[in-house]
């Protein structure tokens, strides 16, 4: 089984599209307006921005957590959780064994929480 699509609330579709384009570093894969649907391709899983969708917490992998947080902060994005270790992976069940999973949290343009995730080897 594979996750195909995640829907996210977008009260202002243009604003949400601009935020997601900046965050993900890629333009939408498809836009249907009407009825007001924007799709991004996240490595084979679709992110759907839609006015009628409920809010969801999305987690996005980044290469450099601190740099991503600072880039977003300088663009006026509200950081609600600074970078910190969530868990140390002892096996390969949810991440590479021996890595630390770091996360930070921001609010997108629509008030939805976005988790930023980086896997790090301890120094």
PDB file of N, CA and C in Angstrom:
ATOM      1  N   UNK A   1       0.850  -1.170   0.000  1.00  0.00           N
ATOM      2  CA  UNK A   1       0.000   0.000   0.000  1.00  0.00           C
ATOM      3  C   UNK A   1       0.898   1.236   0.000  1.00  0.00           C
ATOM      4  N   UNK A   2       0.470   2.264  -0.709  1.00  0.00           N
ATOM      5  CA  UNK A   2       1.240   3.499  -0.833  1.00  0.00           C
ATOM      6  C   UNK A   2       0.303   4.689  -0.649  1.00  0.00           C
ATOM      7  N   UNK A   3       0.753   5.690   0.087  1.00  0.00           N
ATOM      8  CA  UNK A   3      -0.022   6.919   0.244  1.00  0.00           C
ATOM      9  C   UNK A   3      -0.031   7.656  -1.089  1.00  0.00           C
ATOM     10  N   UNK A   4      -1.221   7.975  -1.585  1.00  0.00           N
ATOM     11  CA  UNK A   4      -1.376   8.605  -2.890  1.00  0.00           C
ATOM     12  C   UNK A   4      -1.505  10.114  -2.797  1.00  0.00           C
ATOM     13  N   UNK A   5      -2.281  10.594  -1.815  1.00  0.00           N
ATOM     14  CA  UNK A   5      -2.587  12.018  -1.780  1.00  0.00           C
ATOM     15  C   UNK A   5      -2.890  12.462  -0.357  1.00  0.00           C
ATOM     16  N   UNK A   6      -2.492  13.690  -0.056  1.00  0.00           N
ATOM     17  CA  UNK A   6      -2.837  14.348   1.201  1.00  0.00           C
ATOM     18  C   UNK A   6      -3.476  15.679   0.832  1.00  0.00           C
ATOM     19  N   UNK A   7      -4.619  15.977   1.429  1.00  0.00           N
ATOM     20  CA  UNK A   7      -5.297  17.250   1.179  1.00  0.00           C
ATOM     21  C   UNK A   7      -4.998  18.209   2.326  1.00  0.00           C
ATOM     22  N   UNK A   8      -4.833  19.481   1.989  1.00  0.00           N
ATOM     23  CA  UNK A   8      -4.546  20.516   2.982  1.00  0.00           C
ATOM     24  C   UNK A   8      -5.450  21.708   2.729  1.00  0.00           C
ATOM     25  N   UNK A   9      -5.955  22.288   3.820  1.00  0.00           N
ATOM     26  CA  UNK A   9      -6.841  23.457   3.734  1.00  0.00           C
ATOM     27  C   UNK A   9      -6.092  24.656   3.157  1.00  0.00           C
ATOM     28  N   UNK A  10      -6.741  25.340   2.225  1.00  0.00           N
ATOM     29  CA  UNK A  10      -6.194  26.565   1.636  1.00  0.00           C
ATOM     30  C   UNK A  10      -7.329  27.570   1.509  1.00  0.00           C
ATOM     31  N   UNK A  11      -7.414  28.495   2.446  1.00  0.00           N
ATOM     32  CA  UNK A  11      -8.495  29.484   2.389  1.00  0.00           C
ATOM     33  C   UNK A  11      -8.247  30.525   1.306  1.00  0.00           C
ATOM     34  N   UNK A  12      -6.994  30.800   0.985  1.00  0.00           N
ATOM     35  CA  UNK A  12      -6.607  31.680  -0.121  1.00  0.00           C
ATOM     36  C   UNK A  12      -5.692  30.850  -1.014  1.00  0.00           C
ATOM     37  N   UNK A  13      -6.238  30.330  -2.110  1.00  0.00           N
ATOM     38  CA  UNK A  13      -5.515  29.375  -2.937  1.00  0.00           C
ATOM     39  C   UNK A  13      -4.233  29.960  -3.536  1.00  0.00           C
ATOM     40  N   UNK A  14      -4.278  31.193  -3.990  1.00  0.00           N
ATOM     41  CA  UNK A  14      -3.079  31.817  -4.571  1.00  0.00           C
ATOM     42  C   UNK A  14      -1.988  31.969  -3.519  1.00  0.00           C
ATOM     43  N   UNK A  15      -2.352  32.434  -2.354  1.00  0.00           N
ATOM     44  CA  UNK A  15      -1.382  32.615  -1.261  1.00  0.00           C
ATOM     45  C   UNK A  15      -0.809  31.270  -0.832  1.00  0.00           C
ATOM     46  N   UNK A  16      -1.665  30.261  -0.687  1.00  0.00           N
ATOM     47  CA  UNK A  16      -1.213  28.931  -0.284  1.00  0.00           C
ATOM     48  C   UNK A  16      -0.307  28.309  -1.348  1.00  0.00           C
ATOM     49  N   UNK A  17      -0.627  28.542  -2.608  1.00  0.00           N
ATOM     50  CA  UNK A  17       0.207  28.029  -3.698  1.00  0.00           C
ATOM     51  C   UNK A  17       1.577  28.674  -3.667  1.00  0.00           C
ATOM     52  N   UNK A  18       1.633  29.977  -3.451  1.00  0.00           N
ATOM     53  CA  UNK A  18       2.921  30.677  -3.378  1.00  0.00           C
ATOM     54  C   UNK A  18       3.745  30.160  -2.202  1.00  0.00           C
ATOM     55  N   UNK A  19       3.122  29.969  -1.047  1.00  0.00           N
ATOM     56  CA  UNK A  19       3.840  29.456   0.125  1.00  0.00           C
ATOM     57  C   UNK A  19       4.387  28.062  -0.153  1.00  0.00           C
ATOM     58  N   UNK A  20       3.559  27.176  -0.677  1.00  0.00           N
ATOM     59  CA  UNK A  20       3.987  25.793  -0.929  1.00  0.00           C
ATOM     60  C   UNK A  20       5.067  25.739  -2.001  1.00  0.00           C
ATOM     61  N   UNK A  21       4.959  26.571  -3.021  1.00  0.00           N
ATOM     62  CA  UNK A  21       5.997  26.632  -4.059  1.00  0.00           C
ATOM     63  C   UNK A  21       7.334  27.025  -3.443  1.00  0.00           C
ATOM     64  N   UNK A  22       7.325  28.012  -2.563  1.00  0.00           N
ATOM     65  CA  UNK A  22       8.551  28.454  -1.891  1.00  0.00           C
ATOM     66  C   UNK A  22       9.079  27.367  -0.960  1.00  0.00           C
ATOM     67  N   UNK A  23       8.210  26.792  -0.145  1.00  0.00           N
ATOM     68  CA  UNK A  23       8.626  25.770   0.817  1.00  0.00           C
ATOM     69  C   UNK A  23       9.196  24.541   0.119  1.00  0.00           C
ATOM     70  N   UNK A  24       8.516  24.073  -0.919  1.00  0.00           N
ATOM     71  CA  UNK A  24       8.897  22.832  -1.586  1.00  0.00           C
ATOM     72  C   UNK A  24       9.947  23.031  -2.681  1.00  0.00           C
ATOM     73  N   UNK A  25      10.128  24.279  -3.101  1.00  0.00           N
ATOM     74  CA  UNK A  25      11.126  24.552  -4.133  1.00  0.00           C
ATOM     75  C   UNK A  25      10.733  24.058  -5.510  1.00  0.00           C
ATOM     76  N   UNK A  26       9.437  23.925  -5.740  1.00  0.00           N
ATOM     77  CA  UNK A  26       8.946  23.453  -7.038  1.00  0.00           C
ATOM     78  C   UNK A  26       7.548  24.017  -7.284  1.00  0.00           C
ATOM     79  N   UNK A  27       7.212  24.265  -8.544  1.00  0.00           N
ATOM     80  CA  UNK A  27       5.873  24.765  -8.854  1.00  0.00           C
ATOM     81  C   UNK A  27       4.839  23.650  -8.774  1.00  0.00           C
ATOM     82  N   UNK A  28       3.563  24.012  -8.779  1.00  0.00           N
ATOM     83  CA  UNK A  28       2.520  22.987  -8.777  1.00  0.00           C
ATOM     84  C   UNK A  28       2.634  22.082 -10.002  1.00  0.00           C
ATOM     85  N   UNK A  29       2.231  20.832  -9.830  1.00  0.00           N
ATOM     86  CA  UNK A  29       2.191  19.884 -10.943  1.00  0.00           C
ATOM     87  C   UNK A  29       0.935  20.103 -11.781  1.00  0.00           C
ATOM     88  N   UNK A  30      -0.150  20.564 -11.148  1.00  0.00           N
ATOM     89  CA  UNK A  30      -1.407  20.788 -11.861  1.00  0.00           C
ATOM     90  C   UNK A  30      -2.279  21.746 -11.059  1.00  0.00           C
ATOM     91  N   UNK A  31      -3.040  22.554 -11.785  1.00  0.00           N
ATOM     92  CA  UNK A  31      -3.997  23.482 -11.167  1.00  0.00           C
ATOM     93  C   UNK A  31      -5.314  23.345 -11.913  1.00  0.00           C
ATOM     94  N   UNK A  32      -6.406  23.219 -11.165  1.00  0.00           N
ATOM     95  CA  UNK A  32      -7.743  23.150 -11.739  1.00  0.00           C
ATOM     96  C   UNK A  32      -8.586  24.220 -11.057  1.00  0.00           C
ATOM     97  N   UNK A  33      -8.805  25.326 -11.792  1.00  0.00           N
ATOM     98  CA  UNK A  33      -9.549  26.431 -11.207  1.00  0.00           C
ATOM     99  C   UNK A  33     -10.481  27.011 -12.255  1.00  0.00           C
ATOM    100  N   UNK A  34     -11.809  26.795 -12.218  1.00  0.00           N
ATOM    101  CA  UNK A  34     -12.470  26.073 -11.147  1.00  0.00           C
ATOM    102  C   UNK A  34     -12.192  24.575 -11.207  1.00  0.00           C
ATOM    103  N   UNK A  35     -12.398  23.903 -10.130  1.00  0.00           N
ATOM    104  CA  UNK A  35     -13.086  24.261  -8.895  1.00  0.00           C
ATOM    105  C   UNK A  35     -12.183  24.817  -7.794  1.00  0.00           C
ATOM    106  N   UNK A  36     -10.882  25.006  -8.041  1.00  0.00           N
ATOM    107  CA  UNK A  36      -9.996  25.533  -7.010  1.00  0.00           C
ATOM    108  C   UNK A  36      -9.155  24.451  -6.359  1.00  0.00           C
ATOM    109  N   UNK A  37      -8.433  23.698  -7.180  1.00  0.00           N
ATOM    110  CA  UNK A  37      -7.577  22.622  -6.692  1.00  0.00           C
ATOM    111  C   UNK A  37      -6.164  22.832  -7.239  1.00  0.00           C
ATOM    112  N   UNK A  38      -5.170  22.724  -6.356  1.00  0.00           N
ATOM    113  CA  UNK A  38      -3.766  22.829  -6.767  1.00  0.00           C
ATOM    114  C   UNK A  38      -3.043  21.595  -6.246  1.00  0.00           C
ATOM    115  N   UNK A  39      -2.280  20.948  -7.133  1.00  0.00           N
ATOM    116  CA  UNK A  39      -1.562  19.720  -6.782  1.00  0.00           C
ATOM    117  C   UNK A  39      -0.055  19.928  -6.898  1.00  0.00           C
ATOM    118  N   UNK A  40       0.676  19.420  -5.911  1.00  0.00           N
ATOM    119  CA  UNK A  40       2.133  19.343  -5.948  1.00  0.00           C
ATOM    120  C   UNK A  40       2.504  17.867  -5.924  1.00  0.00           C
ATOM    121  N   UNK A  41       3.574  17.514  -6.634  1.00  0.00           N
ATOM    122  CA  UNK A  41       4.064  16.137  -6.629  1.00  0.00           C
ATOM    123  C   UNK A  41       5.211  16.047  -5.638  1.00  0.00           C
ATOM    124  N   UNK A  42       5.006  15.291  -4.559  1.00  0.00           N
ATOM    125  CA  UNK A  42       6.030  15.086  -3.541  1.00  0.00           C
ATOM    126  C   UNK A  42       6.576  13.673  -3.686  1.00  0.00           C
ATOM    127  N   UNK A  43       7.438  13.502  -4.664  1.00  0.00           N
ATOM    128  CA  UNK A  43       8.074  12.203  -4.897  1.00  0.00           C
ATOM    129  C   UNK A  43       7.049  11.085  -5.047  1.00  0.00           C
ATOM    130  N   UNK A  44       5.994  11.374  -5.818  1.00  0.00           N
ATOM    131  CA  UNK A  44       4.984  10.364  -6.092  1.00  0.00           C
ATOM    132  C   UNK A  44       3.727  10.448  -5.239  1.00  0.00           C
ATOM    133  N   UNK A  45       3.741  11.251  -4.192  1.00  0.00           N
ATOM    134  CA  UNK A  45       2.547  11.490  -3.385  1.00  0.00           C
ATOM    135  C   UNK A  45       2.059  12.898  -3.702  1.00  0.00           C
ATOM    136  N   UNK A  46       0.767  13.015  -3.977  1.00  0.00           N
ATOM    137  CA  UNK A  46       0.216  14.331  -4.321  1.00  0.00           C
ATOM    138  C   UNK A  46      -0.161  15.105  -3.057  1.00  0.00           C
ATOM    139  N   UNK A  47       0.210  16.377  -3.040  1.00  0.00           N
ATOM    140  CA  UNK A  47      -0.280  17.316  -2.039  1.00  0.00           C
ATOM    141  C   UNK A  47      -1.344  18.146  -2.730  1.00  0.00           C
ATOM    142  N   UNK A  48      -2.561  18.087  -2.219  1.00  0.00           N
ATOM    143  CA  UNK A  48      -3.692  18.834  -2.773  1.00  0.00           C
ATOM    144  C   UNK A  48      -3.992  20.007  -1.866  1.00  0.00           C
ATOM    145  N   UNK A  49      -3.987  21.206  -2.417  1.00  0.00           N
ATOM    146  CA  UNK A  49      -4.436  22.403  -1.698  1.00  0.00           C
ATOM    147  C   UNK A  49      -5.860  22.680  -2.148  1.00  0.00           C
ATOM    148  N   UNK A  50      -6.759  22.786  -1.160  1.00  0.00           N
ATOM    149  CA  UNK A  50      -8.185  22.923  -1.475  1.00  0.00           C
ATOM    150  C   UNK A  50      -8.883  23.683  -0.354  1.00  0.00           C
ATOM    151  N   UNK A  51      -9.783  24.573  -0.733  1.00  0.00           N
ATOM    152  CA  UNK A  51     -10.506  25.365   0.252  1.00  0.00           C
ATOM    153  C   UNK A  51     -11.331  24.550   1.220  1.00  0.00           C
ATOM    154  N   UNK A  52     -11.923  23.467   0.774  1.00  0.00           N
ATOM    155  CA  UNK A  52     -12.799  22.678   1.624  1.00  0.00           C
ATOM    156  C   UNK A  52     -12.113  21.602   2.438  1.00  0.00           C
ATOM    157  N   UNK A  53     -10.807  21.463   2.289  1.00  0.00           N
ATOM    158  CA  UNK A  53     -10.089  20.403   3.007  1.00  0.00           C
ATOM    159  C   UNK A  53      -9.879  20.803   4.467  1.00  0.00           C
ATOM    160  N   UNK A  54      -9.826  19.840   5.367  1.00  0.00           N
ATOM    161  CA  UNK A  54      -9.500  20.154   6.758  1.00  0.00           C
ATOM    162  C   UNK A  54      -8.006  20.421   6.901  1.00  0.00           C
ATOM    163  N   UNK A  55      -7.633  21.023   8.005  1.00  0.00           N
ATOM    164  CA  UNK A  55      -6.218  21.260   8.286  1.00  0.00           C
ATOM    165  C   UNK A  55      -5.537  19.944   8.634  1.00  0.00           C
ATOM    166  N   UNK A  56      -4.328  19.770   8.135  1.00  0.00           N
ATOM    167  CA  UNK A  56      -3.515  18.590   8.434  1.00  0.00           C
ATOM    168  C   UNK A  56      -2.111  19.076   8.797  1.00  0.00           C
ATOM    169  N   UNK A  57      -1.381  18.293   9.567  1.00  0.00           N
ATOM    170  CA  UNK A  57       0.015  18.608   9.825  1.00  0.00           C
ATOM    171  C   UNK A  57       0.850  17.834   8.820  1.00  0.00           C
ATOM    172  N   UNK A  58       1.565  18.561   7.982  1.00  0.00           N
ATOM    173  CA  UNK A  58       2.449  17.955   6.998  1.00  0.00           C
ATOM    174  C   UNK A  58       3.870  17.991   7.536  1.00  0.00           C
ATOM    175  N   UNK A  59       4.634  16.953   7.251  1.00  0.00           N
ATOM    176  CA  UNK A  59       6.044  16.875   7.631  1.00  0.00           C
ATOM    177  C   UNK A  59       6.862  16.788   6.354  1.00  0.00           C
ATOM    178  N   UNK A  60       7.806  17.719   6.198  1.00  0.00           N
ATOM    179  CA  UNK A  60       8.602  17.818   4.986  1.00  0.00           C
ATOM    180  C   UNK A  60      10.066  17.633   5.346  1.00  0.00           C
ATOM    181  N   UNK A  61      10.746  16.735   4.628  1.00  0.00           N
ATOM    182  CA  UNK A  61      12.166  16.503   4.865  1.00  0.00           C
ATOM    183  C   UNK A  61      12.987  17.633   4.255  1.00  0.00           C
ATOM    184  N   UNK A  62      13.951  18.129   5.031  1.00  0.00           N
ATOM    185  CA  UNK A  62      14.864  19.168   4.560  1.00  0.00           C
ATOM    186  C   UNK A  62      16.302  18.694   4.764  1.00  0.00           C
ATOM    187  N   UNK A  63      17.223  19.249   3.997  1.00  0.00           N
ATOM    188  CA  UNK A  63      18.633  18.871   4.112  1.00  0.00           C
ATOM    189  C   UNK A  63      19.328  19.557   5.280  1.00  0.00           C
ATOM    190  N   UNK A  64      18.937  20.807   5.560  1.00  0.00           N
ATOM    191  CA  UNK A  64      19.582  21.603   6.612  1.00  0.00           C
ATOM    192  C   UNK A  64      18.479  22.310   7.385  1.00  0.00           C
ATOM    193  N   UNK A  65      18.134  21.764   8.536  1.00  0.00           N
ATOM    194  CA  UNK A  65      16.987  22.246   9.303  1.00  0.00           C
ATOM    195  C   UNK A  65      17.140  23.706   9.717  1.00  0.00           C
ATOM    196  N   UNK A  66      18.283  24.053  10.287  1.00  0.00           N
ATOM    197  CA  UNK A  66      18.475  25.432  10.736  1.00  0.00           C
ATOM    198  C   UNK A  66      18.397  26.418   9.576  1.00  0.00           C
ATOM    199  N   UNK A  67      19.000  26.069   8.445  1.00  0.00           N
ATOM    200  CA  UNK A  67      18.954  26.955   7.280  1.00  0.00           C
ATOM    201  C   UNK A  67      17.526  27.109   6.764  1.00  0.00           C
ATOM    202  N   UNK A  68      16.759  26.019   6.748  1.00  0.00           N
ATOM    203  CA  UNK A  68      15.369  26.092   6.293  1.00  0.00           C
ATOM    204  C   UNK A  68      14.542  26.980   7.211  1.00  0.00           C
ATOM    205  N   UNK A  69      14.724  26.813   8.523  1.00  0.00           N
ATOM    206  CA  UNK A  69      13.979  27.636   9.488  1.00  0.00           C
ATOM    207  C   UNK A  69      14.338  29.107   9.311  1.00  0.00           C
ATOM    208  N   UNK A  70      15.605  29.418   9.189  1.00  0.00           N
ATOM    209  CA  UNK A  70      16.021  30.816   9.050  1.00  0.00           C
ATOM    210  C   UNK A  70      15.537  31.412   7.736  1.00  0.00           C
ATOM    211  N   UNK A  71      15.566  30.623   6.646  1.00  0.00           N
ATOM    212  CA  UNK A  71      15.069  31.117   5.356  1.00  0.00           C
ATOM    213  C   UNK A  71      13.589  31.478   5.464  1.00  0.00           C
ATOM    214  N   UNK A  72      12.812  30.604   6.094  1.00  0.00           N
ATOM    215  CA  UNK A  72      11.387  30.873   6.253  1.00  0.00           C
ATOM    216  C   UNK A  72      11.147  32.038   7.211  1.00  0.00           C
ATOM    217  N   UNK A  73      11.900  32.094   8.289  1.00  0.00           N
ATOM    218  CA  UNK A  73      11.748  33.191   9.261  1.00  0.00           C
ATOM    219  C   UNK A  73      11.995  34.548   8.583  1.00  0.00           C
ATOM    220  N   UNK A  74      13.023  34.620   7.726  1.00  0.00           N
ATOM    221  CA  UNK A  74      13.316  35.888   7.051  1.00  0.00           C
ATOM    222  C   UNK A  74      12.226  36.276   6.061  1.00  0.00           C
ATOM    223  N   UNK A  75      11.414  35.313   5.660  1.00  0.00           N
ATOM    224  CA  UNK A  75      10.284  35.600   4.765  1.00  0.00           C
ATOM    225  C   UNK A  75       9.015  35.912   5.559  1.00  0.00           C
ATOM    226  N   UNK A  76       9.129  35.990   6.880  1.00  0.00           N
ATOM    227  CA  UNK A  76       7.991  36.346   7.713  1.00  0.00           C
ATOM    228  C   UNK A  76       7.152  35.180   8.185  1.00  0.00           C
ATOM    229  N   UNK A  77       7.622  33.947   7.959  1.00  0.00           N
ATOM    230  CA  UNK A  77       6.882  32.763   8.394  1.00  0.00           C
ATOM    231  C   UNK A  77       7.040  32.609   9.906  1.00  0.00           C
ATOM    232  N   UNK A  78       5.924  32.332  10.597  1.00  0.00           N
ATOM    233  CA  UNK A  78       5.956  32.146  12.045  1.00  0.00           C
ATOM    234  C   UNK A  78       6.526  30.773  12.395  1.00  0.00           C
ATOM    235  N   UNK A  79       7.588  30.776  13.198  1.00  0.00           N
ATOM    236  CA  UNK A  79       8.194  29.541  13.676  1.00  0.00           C
ATOM    237  C   UNK A  79       7.562  29.239  15.030  1.00  0.00           C
ATOM    238  N   UNK A  80       6.880  28.096  15.137  1.00  0.00           N
ATOM    239  CA  UNK A  80       6.181  27.749  16.377  1.00  0.00           C
ATOM    240  C   UNK A  80       6.953  26.736  17.218  1.00  0.00           C
ATOM    241  N   UNK A  81       7.975  26.132  16.632  1.00  0.00           N
ATOM    242  CA  UNK A  81       8.812  25.181  17.360  1.00  0.00           C
ATOM    243  C   UNK A  81      10.211  25.196  16.776  1.00  0.00           C
ATOM    244  N   UNK A  82      11.175  25.596  17.577  1.00  0.00           N
ATOM    245  CA  UNK A  82      12.561  25.676  17.114  1.00  0.00           C
ATOM    246  C   UNK A  82      13.131  24.273  16.898  1.00  0.00           C
ATOM    247  N   UNK A  83      14.214  24.149  16.115  1.00  0.00           N
ATOM    248  CA  UNK A  83      14.821  22.836  15.871  1.00  0.00           C
ATOM    249  C   UNK A  83      15.211  22.132  17.166  1.00  0.00           C
ATOM    250  N   UNK A  84      14.836  20.861  17.251  1.00  0.00           N
ATOM    251  CA  UNK A  84      15.166  20.059  18.419  1.00  0.00           C
ATOM    252  C   UNK A  84      15.091  18.575  18.057  1.00  0.00           C
ATOM    253  N   UNK A  85      15.759  17.744  18.846  1.00  0.00           N
ATOM    254  CA  UNK A  85      15.741  16.296  18.629  1.00  0.00           C
ATOM    255  C   UNK A  85      14.409  15.745  19.110  1.00  0.00           C
ATOM    256  N   UNK A  86      13.769  14.957  18.254  1.00  0.00           N
ATOM    257  CA  UNK A  86      12.515  14.292  18.604  1.00  0.00           C
ATOM    258  C   UNK A  86      12.803  12.886  19.120  1.00  0.00           C
ATOM    259  N   UNK A  87      13.668  12.159  18.397  1.00  0.00           N
ATOM    260  CA  UNK A  87      13.944  10.765  18.741  1.00  0.00           C
ATOM    261  C   UNK A  87      15.302  10.378  18.168  1.00  0.00           C
ATOM    262  N   UNK A  88      15.928   9.400  18.793  1.00  0.00           N
ATOM    263  CA  UNK A  88      17.128   8.773  18.252  1.00  0.00           C
ATOM    264  C   UNK A  88      16.702   7.391  17.767  1.00  0.00           C
ATOM    265  N   UNK A  89      16.932   7.120  16.496  1.00  0.00           N
ATOM    266  CA  UNK A  89      16.502   5.855  15.900  1.00  0.00           C
ATOM    267  C   UNK A  89      17.483   4.741  16.282  1.00  0.00           C
ATOM    268  N   UNK A  90      16.990   3.789  17.042  1.00  0.00           N
ATOM    269  CA  UNK A  90      17.834   2.673  17.473  1.00  0.00           C
ATOM    270  C   UNK A  90      17.868   1.567  16.435  1.00  0.00           C
ATOM    271  N   UNK A  91      16.878   1.531  15.550  1.00  0.00           N
ATOM    272  CA  UNK A  91      16.858   0.559  14.463  1.00  0.00           C
ATOM    273  C   UNK A  91      16.329   1.275  13.225  1.00  0.00           C
ATOM    274  N   UNK A  92      16.102   0.536  12.151  1.00  0.00           N
ATOM    275  CA  UNK A  92      15.679   1.139  10.885  1.00  0.00           C
ATOM    276  C   UNK A  92      14.160   1.214  10.716  1.00  0.00           C
ATOM    277  N   UNK A  93      13.398   1.050  11.790  1.00  0.00           N
ATOM    278  CA  UNK A  93      11.945   1.009  11.680  1.00  0.00           C
ATOM    279  C   UNK A  93      11.375   2.306  11.090  1.00  0.00           C
ATOM    280  N   UNK A  94      11.755   3.461  11.628  1.00  0.00           N
ATOM    281  CA  UNK A  94      11.195   4.736  11.161  1.00  0.00           C
ATOM    282  C   UNK A  94      12.245   5.714  10.650  1.00  0.00           C
ATOM    283  N   UNK A  95      13.481   5.324  10.689  1.00  0.00           N
ATOM    284  CA  UNK A  95      14.575   6.166  10.204  1.00  0.00           C
ATOM    285  C   UNK A  95      15.855   5.365  10.271  1.00  0.00           C
ATOM    286  N   UNK A  96      16.917   5.850   9.639  1.00  0.00           N
ATOM    287  CA  UNK A  96      18.175   5.104   9.647  1.00  0.00           C
ATOM    288  C   UNK A  96      18.696   4.896  11.073  1.00  0.00           C
ATOM    289  N   UNK A  97      19.034   3.659  11.398  1.00  0.00           N
ATOM    290  CA  UNK A  97      19.549   3.331  12.736  1.00  0.00           C
ATOM    291  C   UNK A  97      20.740   4.226  13.063  1.00  0.00           C
ATOM    292  N   UNK A  98      20.761   4.726  14.300  1.00  0.00           N
ATOM    293  CA  UNK A  98      21.857   5.550  14.767  1.00  0.00           C
ATOM    294  C   UNK A  98      21.724   7.027  14.447  1.00  0.00           C
ATOM    295  N   UNK A  99      20.641   7.416  13.766  1.00  0.00           N
ATOM    296  CA  UNK A  99      20.463   8.837  13.469  1.00  0.00           C
ATOM    297  C   UNK A  99      19.545   9.496  14.488  1.00  0.00           C
ATOM    298  N   UNK A 100      19.709  10.794  14.601  1.00  0.00           N
ATOM    299  CA  UNK A 100      18.812  11.615  15.403  1.00  0.00           C
ATOM    300  C   UNK A 100      17.798  12.243  14.445  1.00  0.00           C
ATOM    301  N   UNK A 101      16.543  12.222  14.828  1.00  0.00           N
ATOM    302  CA  UNK A 101      15.528  12.912  14.030  1.00  0.00           C
ATOM    303  C   UNK A 101      15.273  14.267  14.664  1.00  0.00           C
ATOM    304  N   UNK A 102      15.616  15.308  13.928  1.00  0.00           N
ATOM    305  CA  UNK A 102      15.404  16.688  14.348  1.00  0.00           C
ATOM    306  C   UNK A 102      14.160  17.223  13.653  1.00  0.00           C
ATOM    307  N   UNK A 103      13.381  18.029  14.381  1.00  0.00           N
ATOM    308  CA  UNK A 103      12.202  18.659  13.799  1.00  0.00           C
ATOM    309  C   UNK A 103      12.080  20.099  14.277  1.00  0.00           C
ATOM    310  N   UNK A 104      11.418  20.887  13.462  1.00  0.00           N
ATOM    311  CA  UNK A 104      11.011  22.251  13.802  1.00  0.00           C
ATOM    312  C   UNK A 104       9.625  22.436  13.193  1.00  0.00           C
ATOM    313  N   UNK A 105       8.891  23.422  13.685  1.00  0.00           N
ATOM    314  CA  UNK A 105       7.525  23.613  13.215  1.00  0.00           C
ATOM    315  C   UNK A 105       7.283  25.064  12.847  1.00  0.00           C
ATOM    316  N   UNK A 106       6.562  25.255  11.729  1.00  0.00           N
ATOM    317  CA  UNK A 106       6.191  26.585  11.250  1.00  0.00           C
ATOM    318  C   UNK A 106       4.710  26.567  10.899  1.00  0.00           C
ATOM    319  N   UNK A 107       4.141  27.762  10.749  1.00  0.00           N
ATOM    320  CA  UNK A 107       2.774  27.878  10.256  1.00  0.00           C
ATOM    321  C   UNK A 107       2.825  28.309   8.806  1.00  0.00           C
ATOM    322  N   UNK A 108       2.043  27.641   7.957  1.00  0.00           N
ATOM    323  CA  UNK A 108       1.993  28.058   6.557  1.00  0.00           C
ATOM    324  C   UNK A 108       1.113  29.291   6.422  1.00  0.00           C
ATOM    325  N   UNK A 109       0.932  29.751   5.208  1.00  0.00           N
ATOM    326  CA  UNK A 109       0.176  30.977   4.958  1.00  0.00           C
ATOM    327  C   UNK A 109      -1.285  30.854   5.356  1.00  0.00           C
ATOM    328  N   UNK A 110      -1.778  29.641   5.559  1.00  0.00           N
ATOM    329  CA  UNK A 110      -3.185  29.412   5.899  1.00  0.00           C
ATOM    330  C   UNK A 110      -3.380  29.057   7.363  1.00  0.00           C
ATOM    331  N   UNK A 111      -2.298  29.081   8.157  1.00  0.00           N
ATOM    332  CA  UNK A 111      -2.386  28.743   9.571  1.00  0.00           C
ATOM    333  C   UNK A 111      -2.247  27.267   9.878  1.00  0.00           C
ATOM    334  N   UNK A 112      -1.910  26.449   8.873  1.00  0.00           N
ATOM    335  CA  UNK A 112      -1.678  25.016   9.076  1.00  0.00           C
ATOM    336  C   UNK A 112      -0.255  24.798   9.587  1.00  0.00           C
ATOM    337  N   UNK A 113      -0.070  23.809  10.442  1.00  0.00           N
ATOM    338  CA  UNK A 113       1.258  23.472  10.944  1.00  0.00           C
ATOM    339  C   UNK A 113       2.013  22.637   9.922  1.00  0.00           C
ATOM    340  N   UNK A 114       3.290  22.986   9.720  1.00  0.00           N
ATOM    341  CA  UNK A 114       4.186  22.218   8.860  1.00  0.00           C
ATOM    342  C   UNK A 114       5.391  21.830   9.707  1.00  0.00           C
ATOM    343  N   UNK A 115       5.678  20.537   9.756  1.00  0.00           N
ATOM    344  CA  UNK A 115       6.862  20.046  10.440  1.00  0.00           C
ATOM    345  C   UNK A 115       8.008  19.929   9.446  1.00  0.00           C
ATOM    346  N   UNK A 116       9.167  20.428   9.828  1.00  0.00           N
ATOM    347  CA  UNK A 116      10.375  20.291   9.020  1.00  0.00           C
ATOM    348  C   UNK A 116      11.231  19.229   9.690  1.00  0.00           C
ATOM    349  N   UNK A 117      11.737  18.271   8.920  1.00  0.00           N
ATOM    350  CA  UNK A 117      12.413  17.096   9.481  1.00  0.00           C
ATOM    351  C   UNK A 117      13.793  16.930   8.839  1.00  0.00           C
ATOM    352  N   UNK A 118      14.790  16.643   9.679  1.00  0.00           N
ATOM    353  CA  UNK A 118      16.125  16.315   9.182  1.00  0.00           C
ATOM    354  C   UNK A 118      16.655  15.122   9.980  1.00  0.00           C
ATOM    355  N   UNK A 119      17.242  14.156   9.276  1.00  0.00           N
ATOM    356  CA  UNK A 119      17.906  13.013   9.911  1.00  0.00           C
ATOM    357  C   UNK A 119      19.398  13.353  10.024  1.00  0.00           C
ATOM    358  N   UNK A 120      19.958  13.245  11.235  1.00  0.00           N
ATOM    359  CA  UNK A 120      21.363  13.580  11.432  1.00  0.00           C
ATOM    360  C   UNK A 120      22.086  12.441  12.132  1.00  0.00           C
ATOM    361  N   UNK A 121      23.325  12.241  11.743  1.00  0.00           N
ATOM    362  CA  UNK A 121      24.223  11.361  12.476  1.00  0.00           C
ATOM    363  C   UNK A 121      24.788  12.169  13.634  1.00  0.00           C
ATOM    364  N   UNK A 122      24.826  11.613  14.847  1.00  0.00           N
ATOM    365  CA  UNK A 122      25.402  12.343  15.989  1.00  0.00           C
ATOM    366  C   UNK A 122      26.868  12.693  15.714  1.00  0.00           C
ATOM    367  N   UNK A 123      27.284  13.838  16.204  1.00  0.00           N
ATOM    368  CA  UNK A 123      28.678  14.294  15.999  1.00  0.00           C
ATOM    369  C   UNK A 123      29.647  13.450  16.798  1.00  0.00           C
TER     370      UNK A 123
END
